[in-house]
C-alpha atoms as a PDB file:
ATOM      1  CA  MET A   1     157.737  40.768  70.052  1.00  0.00           C
ATOM      2  CA  GLU A   2     155.657  42.596  67.519  1.00  0.00           C
ATOM      3  CA  LYS A   3     156.552  40.005  64.926  1.00  0.00           C
ATOM      4  CA  VAL A   4     155.203  37.104  67.229  1.00  0.00           C
ATOM      5  CA  ILE A   5     151.991  39.036  68.058  1.00  0.00           C
ATOM      6  CA  LYS A   6     151.389  39.686  64.394  1.00  0.00           C
ATOM      7  CA  GLU A   7     152.000  36.024  63.382  1.00  0.00           C
ATOM      8  CA  ALA A   8     149.771  34.766  66.154  1.00  0.00           C
ATOM      9  CA  THR A   9     147.057  37.278  65.316  1.00  0.00           C
ATOM     10  CA  ASP A  10     147.253  36.541  61.578  1.00  0.00           C
ATOM     11  CA  SER A  11     147.035  32.739  62.099  1.00  0.00           C
ATOM     12  CA  LEU A  12     144.168  32.901  64.520  1.00  0.00           C
ATOM     13  CA  SER A  13     142.227  35.474  62.623  1.00  0.00           C
ATOM     14  CA  THR A  14     142.676  33.538  59.402  1.00  0.00           C
ATOM     15  CA  LEU A  15     141.165  30.516  61.189  1.00  0.00           C
ATOM     16  CA  GLU A  16     138.153  32.576  62.272  1.00  0.00           C
ATOM     17  CA  GLN A  17     137.783  33.938  58.660  1.00  0.00           C
ATOM     18  CA  LEU A  18     137.883  30.435  57.173  1.00  0.00           C
ATOM     19  CA  LEU A  19     135.293  29.129  59.608  1.00  0.00           C
ATOM     20  CA  MET A  20     132.952  31.990  58.792  1.00  0.00           C
ATOM     21  CA  GLU A  21     133.015  31.041  55.155  1.00  0.00           C
ATOM     22  CA  PHE A  22     131.068  27.864  55.804  1.00  0.00           C
ATOM     23  CA  ASP A  23     127.415  27.686  55.696  1.00  0.00           C
ATOM     24  CA  PRO A  24     126.148  26.801  59.237  1.00  0.00           C
ATOM     25  CA  GLN A  25     124.976  23.328  58.037  1.00  0.00           C
ATOM     26  CA  GLN A  26     128.382  22.651  56.483  1.00  0.00           C
ATOM     27  CA  ILE A  27     130.182  22.861  59.743  1.00  0.00           C
ATOM     28  CA  ASN A  28     129.045  19.368  60.579  1.00  0.00           C
ATOM     29  CA  GLU A  29     129.348  17.730  57.199  1.00  0.00           C
ATOM     30  CA  VAL A  30     132.047  15.178  56.595  1.00  0.00           C
ATOM     31  CA  PRO A  31     133.840  16.147  53.462  1.00  0.00           C
ATOM     32  CA  PHE A  32     135.476  12.745  52.700  1.00  0.00           C
ATOM     33  CA  ALA A  33     136.010   9.435  54.466  1.00  0.00           C
ATOM     34  CA  GLY A  34     138.477   9.637  57.382  1.00  0.00           C
ATOM     35  CA  SER A  35     138.205  13.439  57.737  1.00  0.00           C
ATOM     36  CA  TRP A  36     136.935  15.503  60.651  1.00  0.00           C
ATOM     37  CA  THR A  37     134.163  17.994  59.990  1.00  0.00           C
ATOM     38  CA  ALA A  38     135.009  21.668  60.031  1.00  0.00           C
ATOM     39  CA  GLY A  39     133.301  21.840  63.472  1.00  0.00           C
ATOM     40  CA  GLN A  40     135.420  19.005  64.837  1.00  0.00           C
ATOM     41  CA  LEU A  41     138.588  20.688  63.435  1.00  0.00           C
ATOM     42  CA  ALA A  42     137.594  24.006  65.030  1.00  0.00           C
ATOM     43  CA  GLN A  43     136.818  22.320  68.290  1.00  0.00           C
ATOM     44  CA  HIS A  44     140.191  20.559  68.291  1.00  0.00           C
ATOM     45  CA  LEU A  45     141.905  24.077  67.936  1.00  0.00           C
ATOM     46  CA  VAL A  46     139.653  25.408  70.711  1.00  0.00           C
ATOM     47  CA  MET A  47     140.881  22.712  72.986  1.00  0.00           C
ATOM     48  CA  ALA A  48     144.564  22.756  71.897  1.00  0.00           C
ATOM     49  CA  ASN A  49     144.919  26.575  71.856  1.00  0.00           C
ATOM     50  CA  SER A  50     143.131  27.112  75.135  1.00  0.00           C
ATOM     51  CA  GLY A  51     145.462  24.434  76.638  1.00  0.00           C
ATOM     52  CA  PHE A  52     148.522  26.249  75.415  1.00  0.00           C
ATOM     53  CA  LEU A  53     147.088  29.486  76.721  1.00  0.00           C
ATOM     54  CA  GLN A  54     147.062  27.855  80.191  1.00  0.00           C
ATOM     55  CA  VAL A  55     150.531  26.556  79.703  1.00  0.00           C
ATOM     56  CA  ILE A  56     151.909  29.932  78.623  1.00  0.00           C
ATOM     57  CA  ASN A  57     150.245  31.597  81.635  1.00  0.00           C
ATOM     58  CA  GLY A  58     151.170  28.747  83.996  1.00  0.00           C
ATOM     59  CA  PRO A  59     154.292  28.067  86.075  1.00  0.00           C
ATOM     60  CA  VAL A  60     157.609  28.807  84.485  1.00  0.00           C
ATOM     61  CA  SER A  61     161.281  28.473  85.218  1.00  0.00           C
ATOM     62  CA  GLU A  62     164.424  30.169  83.971  1.00  0.00           C
ATOM     63  CA  THR A  63     165.621  28.878  80.636  1.00  0.00           C
ATOM     64  CA  SER A  64     169.105  27.522  80.194  1.00  0.00           C
ATOM     65  CA  ARG A  65     169.112  27.352  76.374  1.00  0.00           C
ATOM     66  CA  PRO A  66     168.141  29.647  73.482  1.00  0.00           C
ATOM     67  CA  ALA A  67     164.443  30.470  73.946  1.00  0.00           C
ATOM     68  CA  ASP A  68     163.727  29.742  70.246  1.00  0.00           C
ATOM     69  CA  ILE A  69     165.737  26.571  69.760  1.00  0.00           C
ATOM     70  CA  ASN A  70     162.598  24.466  68.876  1.00  0.00           C
ATOM     71  CA  VAL A  71     160.816  26.940  66.690  1.00  0.00           C
ATOM     72  CA  GLU A  72     162.244  25.739  63.322  1.00  0.00           C
ATOM     73  CA  LYS A  73     161.570  22.110  64.223  1.00  0.00           C
ATOM     74  CA  ILE A  74     157.967  22.848  65.201  1.00  0.00           C
ATOM     75  CA  LYS A  75     157.582  24.856  61.958  1.00  0.00           C
ATOM     76  CA  HIS A  76     159.080  22.064  59.910  1.00  0.00           C
ATOM     77  CA  ASP A  77     156.933  19.337  61.495  1.00  0.00           C
ATOM     78  CA  PHE A  78     153.645  21.189  61.427  1.00  0.00           C
ATOM     79  CA  LEU A  79     153.985  22.771  57.968  1.00  0.00           C
ATOM     80  CA  ASN A  80     154.961  19.504  56.359  1.00  0.00           C
ATOM     81  CA  PHE A  81     151.522  18.564  54.897  1.00  0.00           C
ATOM     82  CA  GLN A  82     152.887  15.277  53.579  1.00  0.00           C
ATOM     83  CA  ILE A  83     152.807  13.725  57.070  1.00  0.00           C
ATOM     84  CA  LYS A  84     149.704  13.003  59.088  1.00  0.00           C
ATOM     85  CA  PHE A  85     149.515  13.388  62.867  1.00  0.00           C
ATOM     86  CA  ASP A  86     147.213  11.637  65.271  1.00  0.00           C
ATOM     87  CA  SER A  87     145.572  14.004  67.770  1.00  0.00           C
ATOM     88  CA  PRO A  88     146.252  13.245  71.419  1.00  0.00           C
ATOM     89  CA  LYS A  89     143.088  12.020  73.024  1.00  0.00           C
ATOM     90  CA  GLU A  90     142.927  15.032  75.378  1.00  0.00           C
ATOM     91  CA  ILE A  91     142.269  17.305  72.419  1.00  0.00           C
ATOM     92  CA  TYR A  92     140.437  14.873  70.119  1.00  0.00           C
ATOM     93  CA  PRO A  93     136.997  16.487  69.316  1.00  0.00           C
ATOM     94  CA  GLU A  94     133.828  14.522  69.974  1.00  0.00           C
ATOM     95  CA  ASP A  95     131.867  13.268  66.971  1.00  0.00           C
ATOM     96  CA  LYS A  96     128.814  15.480  67.480  1.00  0.00           C
ATOM     97  CA  PRO A  97     127.260  18.564  66.014  1.00  0.00           C
ATOM     98  CA  TYR A  98     129.009  21.858  66.650  1.00  0.00           C
ATOM     99  CA  ASP A  99     127.591  25.344  66.624  1.00  0.00           C
ATOM    100  CA  GLN A 100     129.498  27.710  64.316  1.00  0.00           C
ATOM    101  CA  SER A 101     128.740  30.817  66.409  1.00  0.00           C
ATOM    102  CA  ALA A 102     129.943  29.176  69.630  1.00  0.00           C
ATOM    103  CA  LEU A 103     133.167  27.944  68.037  1.00  0.00           C
ATOM    104  CA  LEU A 104     133.773  31.444  66.585  1.00  0.00           C
ATOM    105  CA  ALA A 105     133.269  33.096  70.004  1.00  0.00           C
ATOM    106  CA  ASN A 106     135.631  30.590  71.698  1.00  0.00           C
ATOM    107  CA  LEU A 107     138.297  31.117  69.017  1.00  0.00           C
ATOM    108  CA  LYS A 108     137.938  34.933  69.285  1.00  0.00           C
ATOM    109  CA  HIS A 109     138.313  34.728  73.094  1.00  0.00           C
ATOM    110  CA  ILE A 110     141.443  32.573  72.775  1.00  0.00           C
ATOM    111  CA  SER A 111     142.932  34.887  70.233  1.00  0.00           C
ATOM    112  CA  ASN A 112     142.395  37.977  72.404  1.00  0.00           C
ATOM    113  CA  ALA A 113     143.796  36.258  75.420  1.00  0.00           C
ATOM    114  CA  MET A 114     146.726  35.071  73.462  1.00  0.00           C
ATOM    115  CA  ALA A 115     147.546  38.615  72.363  1.00  0.00           C
ATOM    116  CA  VAL A 116     147.381  39.933  75.882  1.00  0.00           C
ATOM    117  CA  SER A 117     149.710  37.094  77.120  1.00  0.00           C
ATOM    118  CA  VAL A 118     152.235  37.548  74.307  1.00  0.00           C
ATOM    119  CA  ALA A 119     152.439  41.289  74.999  1.00  0.00           C
ATOM    120  CA  GLY A 120     152.720  41.097  78.747  1.00  0.00           C
ATOM    121  CA  LEU A 121     154.868  38.105  79.606  1.00  0.00           C
ATOM    122  CA  ASP A 122     158.602  37.232  79.474  1.00  0.00           C
ATOM    123  CA  LEU A 123     158.664  34.857  76.456  1.00  0.00           C
ATOM    124  CA  THR A 124     162.071  33.450  77.278  1.00  0.00           C
ATOM    125  CA  LYS A 125     160.882  31.502  80.357  1.00  0.00           C
ATOM    126  CA  THR A 126     160.267  27.783  80.135  1.00  0.00           C
ATOM    127  CA  CYS A 127     156.780  26.543  80.745  1.00  0.00           C
ATOM    128  CA  THR A 128     156.759  23.826  83.351  1.00  0.00           C
ATOM    129  CA  SER A 129     153.183  22.611  83.525  1.00  0.00           C
ATOM    130  CA  PHE A 130     153.177  20.410  80.533  1.00  0.00           C
ATOM    131  CA  GLU A 131     155.889  18.428  78.633  1.00  0.00           C
ATOM    132  CA  LEU A 132     155.231  17.692  74.972  1.00  0.00           C
ATOM    133  CA  PRO A 133     156.289  14.530  73.416  1.00  0.00           C
ATOM    134  CA  VAL A 134     159.194  15.062  71.025  1.00  0.00           C
ATOM    135  CA  TYR A 135     159.853  18.628  72.044  1.00  0.00           C
ATOM    136  CA  GLY A 136     159.874  18.496  75.854  1.00  0.00           C
ATOM    137  CA  PHE A 137     159.165  21.545  77.940  1.00  0.00           C
ATOM    138  CA  LEU A 138     158.724  24.652  75.699  1.00  0.00           C
ATOM    139  CA  THR A 139     159.574  28.212  76.325  1.00  0.00           C
ATOM    140  CA  ARG A 140     156.640  30.635  76.171  1.00  0.00           C
ATOM    141  CA  LEU A 141     157.977  31.707  72.741  1.00  0.00           C
ATOM    142  CA  GLU A 142     158.161  28.191  71.473  1.00  0.00           C
ATOM    143  CA  ALA A 143     154.636  27.421  72.842  1.00  0.00           C
ATOM    144  CA  ILE A 144     153.291  30.524  71.010  1.00  0.00           C
ATOM    145  CA  TYR A 145     154.923  29.374  67.814  1.00  0.00           C
ATOM    146  CA  PHE A 146     153.501  25.841  68.405  1.00  0.00           C
ATOM    147  CA  VAL A 147     150.025  27.541  68.461  1.00  0.00           C
ATOM    148  CA  ILE A 148     150.931  29.504  65.282  1.00  0.00           C
ATOM    149  CA  TYR A 149     152.125  26.545  63.178  1.00  0.00           C
ATOM    150  CA  HIS A 150     149.553  24.125  64.457  1.00  0.00           C
ATOM    151  CA  THR A 151     146.878  26.680  63.623  1.00  0.00           C
ATOM    152  CA  GLN A 152     148.345  27.197  60.155  1.00  0.00           C
ATOM    153  CA  ARG A 153     148.381  23.526  59.571  1.00  0.00           C
ATOM    154  CA  HIS A 154     144.722  23.258  60.351  1.00  0.00           C
ATOM    155  CA  ASN A 155     143.861  26.402  58.427  1.00  0.00           C
ATOM    156  CA  TYR A 156     145.381  24.479  55.389  1.00  0.00           C
ATOM    157  CA  GLN A 157     143.133  21.454  56.223  1.00  0.00           C
ATOM    158  CA  LEU A 158     140.034  23.768  56.817  1.00  0.00           C
ATOM    159  CA  LYS A 159     140.580  25.207  53.298  1.00  0.00           C
ATOM    160  CA  ASN A 160     140.653  21.645  51.826  1.00  0.00           C
ATOM    161  CA  ILE A 161     137.443  20.798  53.762  1.00  0.00           C
ATOM    162  CA  PHE A 162     135.695  23.917  52.418  1.00  0.00           C
ATOM    163  CA  THR A 163     136.815  23.160  48.884  1.00  0.00           C
ATOM    164  CA  LYS A 164     135.636  19.567  49.044  1.00  0.00           C
ATOM    165  CA  LEU A 165     132.244  20.434  50.480  1.00  0.00           C
ATOM    166  CA  ASN A 166     131.652  23.134  47.944  1.00  0.00           C
ATOM    167  CA  GLN A 167     132.852  20.956  44.969  1.00  0.00           C
ATOM    168  CA  ALA A 168     130.155  18.483  46.019  1.00  0.00           C
ATOM    169  CA  ASP A 169     127.571  21.276  45.444  1.00  0.00           C
ATOM    170  CA  PHE A 170     128.483  21.520  41.836  1.00  0.00           C
ATOM    171  CA  ASN A 171     128.458  17.769  41.097  1.00  0.00           C
END
């Protein structure tokens, strides 16, 4: 349990730290063709992670399989930076200006709520409110790892966006 809490806290706090490195005007700059802005990426994670928080805290059932059976597949899929995913429309961020402070506040709230949920819930239960394509219904443990690896994937992308925007300053 402590390992999961630490991994979730580390991934989510890294996201916040990375977002704080941007100058406020950079949040809404497109770094290269076809890319989201840092603001859009952060908003995507606000929507995705808050949705998973609802799933984790939602209805559950007993689990008839190992509670962590999908963790390695989720890790393999999301930490493979050679493949590109299309965001589901439900968590696709609008193309609009985003406020860095508001994004950070939302991310902090989600991080705190996630830590409370992980510490206080039976992670072996299966979440029944949402079935993911490819993975099916996840246990709470798998859902938390989905948040961890999905966030790590976007932390990697956020670093690339930051680098690209700041390289442009030197050209």
